[in-house]
Amino acid sequence: MPRTIDQQIAEAENRVQRLKTKKRTKDTRRKIIVGATVIPAAFKDKKLARYLVRLLETSLTREVDKQDAEPLLDELRKFIGDDQA
């Protein structure tokens, strides 16, 4: 029995949803990889650490993100010898 147009639309919408999920998953993975590379590098390079502190301080707008990043920022500030960075 041939599929109805509504069935075909539903299948296409499901495919789009799966592709969107796949895209979000890849985006998340890319962010994790970048963070896992940049953070350790910042603890070896004070210039990079200062830049990362400034970037995070100016880029993070959501309060929950600021709270989650604060321990990292504190560690970076200690590394660069500036508790205020």
C-alpha atoms as a PDB file:
ATOM      1  CA  MET A   1       0.000   0.000   0.000  1.00  0.00           C
ATOM      2  CA  PRO A   2       1.474   3.391  -0.992  1.00  0.00           C
ATOM      3  CA  ARG A   3       2.223   5.895   1.717  1.00  0.00           C
ATOM      4  CA  THR A   4      -0.053   8.876   2.014  1.00  0.00           C
ATOM      5  CA  ILE A   5       1.221  12.395   1.638  1.00  0.00           C
ATOM      6  CA  ASP A   6       0.751  12.891   5.399  1.00  0.00           C
ATOM      7  CA  GLN A   7       2.894   9.825   6.079  1.00  0.00           C
ATOM      8  CA  GLN A   8       5.574  11.090   3.719  1.00  0.00           C
ATOM      9  CA  ILE A   9       5.530  14.484   5.456  1.00  0.00           C
ATOM     10  CA  ALA A  10       5.806  12.834   8.879  1.00  0.00           C
ATOM     11  CA  GLU A  11       8.773  10.738   7.701  1.00  0.00           C
ATOM     12  CA  ALA A  12      10.470  13.826   6.263  1.00  0.00           C
ATOM     13  CA  GLU A  13       9.913  15.732   9.522  1.00  0.00           C
ATOM     14  CA  ASN A  14      11.368  12.820  11.498  1.00  0.00           C
ATOM     15  CA  ARG A  15      14.420  12.790   9.243  1.00  0.00           C
ATOM     16  CA  VAL A  16      14.892  16.540   9.706  1.00  0.00           C
ATOM     17  CA  GLN A  17      14.658  16.104  13.481  1.00  0.00           C
ATOM     18  CA  ARG A  18      17.272  13.333  13.427  1.00  0.00           C
ATOM     19  CA  LEU A  19      19.595  15.515  11.344  1.00  0.00           C
ATOM     20  CA  LYS A  20      19.156  18.449  13.743  1.00  0.00           C
ATOM     21  CA  THR A  21      20.000  16.173  16.670  1.00  0.00           C
ATOM     22  CA  LYS A  22      23.067  14.901  14.843  1.00  0.00           C
ATOM     23  CA  LYS A  23      24.175  18.477  14.157  1.00  0.00           C
ATOM     24  CA  ARG A  24      23.764  19.469  17.844  1.00  0.00           C
ATOM     25  CA  THR A  25      25.725  16.395  18.912  1.00  0.00           C
ATOM     26  CA  LYS A  26      28.591  17.260  16.566  1.00  0.00           C
ATOM     27  CA  ASP A  27      28.554  20.885  17.726  1.00  0.00           C
ATOM     28  CA  THR A  28      28.727  19.805  21.373  1.00  0.00           C
ATOM     29  CA  ARG A  29      31.585  17.427  20.622  1.00  0.00           C
ATOM     30  CA  ARG A  30      33.497  20.180  18.827  1.00  0.00           C
ATOM     31  CA  LYS A  31      33.083  22.487  21.847  1.00  0.00           C
ATOM     32  CA  ILE A  32      34.342  19.785  24.187  1.00  0.00           C
ATOM     33  CA  ILE A  33      37.387  19.169  21.997  1.00  0.00           C
ATOM     34  CA  VAL A  34      38.216  22.887  21.841  1.00  0.00           C
ATOM     35  CA  GLY A  35      37.788  23.291  25.600  1.00  0.00           C
ATOM     36  CA  ALA A  36      39.895  20.208  26.293  1.00  0.00           C
ATOM     37  CA  THR A  37      42.647  21.689  24.138  1.00  0.00           C
ATOM     38  CA  VAL A  38      42.512  25.353  25.141  1.00  0.00           C
ATOM     39  CA  ILE A  39      42.127  25.024  28.919  1.00  0.00           C
ATOM     40  CA  PRO A  40      45.294  22.971  29.512  1.00  0.00           C
ATOM     41  CA  ALA A  41      47.183  25.240  27.103  1.00  0.00           C
ATOM     42  CA  ALA A  42      46.074  28.279  29.104  1.00  0.00           C
ATOM     43  CA  PHE A  43      47.677  26.793  32.220  1.00  0.00           C
ATOM     44  CA  LYS A  44      50.996  26.708  30.352  1.00  0.00           C
ATOM     45  CA  ASP A  45      50.818  30.179  28.781  1.00  0.00           C
ATOM     46  CA  LYS A  46      49.999  33.223  30.924  1.00  0.00           C
ATOM     47  CA  LYS A  47      49.190  35.355  27.906  1.00  0.00           C
ATOM     48  CA  LEU A  48      46.631  32.806  26.745  1.00  0.00           C
ATOM     49  CA  ALA A  49      45.300  32.501  30.302  1.00  0.00           C
ATOM     50  CA  ARG A  50      44.784  36.273  30.529  1.00  0.00           C
ATOM     51  CA  TYR A  51      43.051  36.281  27.168  1.00  0.00           C
ATOM     52  CA  LEU A  52      40.785  33.391  28.164  1.00  0.00           C
ATOM     53  CA  VAL A  53      39.838  35.091  31.445  1.00  0.00           C
ATOM     54  CA  ARG A  54      38.952  38.329  29.636  1.00  0.00           C
ATOM     55  CA  LEU A  55      37.061  36.440  26.933  1.00  0.00           C
ATOM     56  CA  LEU A  56      34.979  34.481  29.417  1.00  0.00           C
ATOM     57  CA  GLU A  57      34.341  37.490  31.644  1.00  0.00           C
ATOM     58  CA  THR A  58      33.007  39.503  28.717  1.00  0.00           C
ATOM     59  CA  SER A  59      31.247  36.711  26.824  1.00  0.00           C
ATOM     60  CA  LEU A  60      29.328  34.884  29.506  1.00  0.00           C
ATOM     61  CA  THR A  61      25.953  36.519  30.023  1.00  0.00           C
ATOM     62  CA  ARG A  62      23.830  33.875  31.737  1.00  0.00           C
ATOM     63  CA  GLU A  63      24.241  33.777  35.496  1.00  0.00           C
ATOM     64  CA  VAL A  64      24.365  29.973  35.546  1.00  0.00           C
ATOM     65  CA  ASP A  65      27.223  30.010  33.004  1.00  0.00           C
ATOM     66  CA  LYS A  66      29.121  32.577  35.055  1.00  0.00           C
ATOM     67  CA  GLN A  67      28.724  30.464  38.189  1.00  0.00           C
ATOM     68  CA  ASP A  68      29.871  27.311  36.406  1.00  0.00           C
ATOM     69  CA  ALA A  69      32.909  29.079  34.934  1.00  0.00           C
ATOM     70  CA  GLU A  70      33.947  30.854  38.132  1.00  0.00           C
ATOM     71  CA  PRO A  71      36.096  27.998  39.550  1.00  0.00           C
ATOM     72  CA  LEU A  72      38.029  27.834  36.264  1.00  0.00           C
ATOM     73  CA  LEU A  73      38.406  31.606  36.201  1.00  0.00           C
ATOM     74  CA  ASP A  74      39.702  31.574  39.784  1.00  0.00           C
ATOM     75  CA  GLU A  75      42.306  28.932  38.905  1.00  0.00           C
ATOM     76  CA  LEU A  76      43.404  30.876  35.824  1.00  0.00           C
ATOM     77  CA  ARG A  77      43.662  34.108  37.820  1.00  0.00           C
ATOM     78  CA  LYS A  78      45.861  32.364  40.386  1.00  0.00           C
ATOM     79  CA  PHE A  79      48.030  30.955  37.595  1.00  0.00           C
ATOM     80  CA  ILE A  80      48.606  34.386  36.084  1.00  0.00           C
ATOM     81  CA  GLY A  81      49.138  35.896  39.547  1.00  0.00           C
ATOM     82  CA  ASP A  82      46.217  38.267  39.375  1.00  0.00           C
ATOM     83  CA  ASP A  83      43.157  37.576  41.494  1.00  0.00           C
ATOM     84  CA  GLN A  84      41.296  40.303  39.627  1.00  0.00           C
ATOM     85  CA  ALA A  85      42.548  39.645  36.049  1.00  0.00           C
END
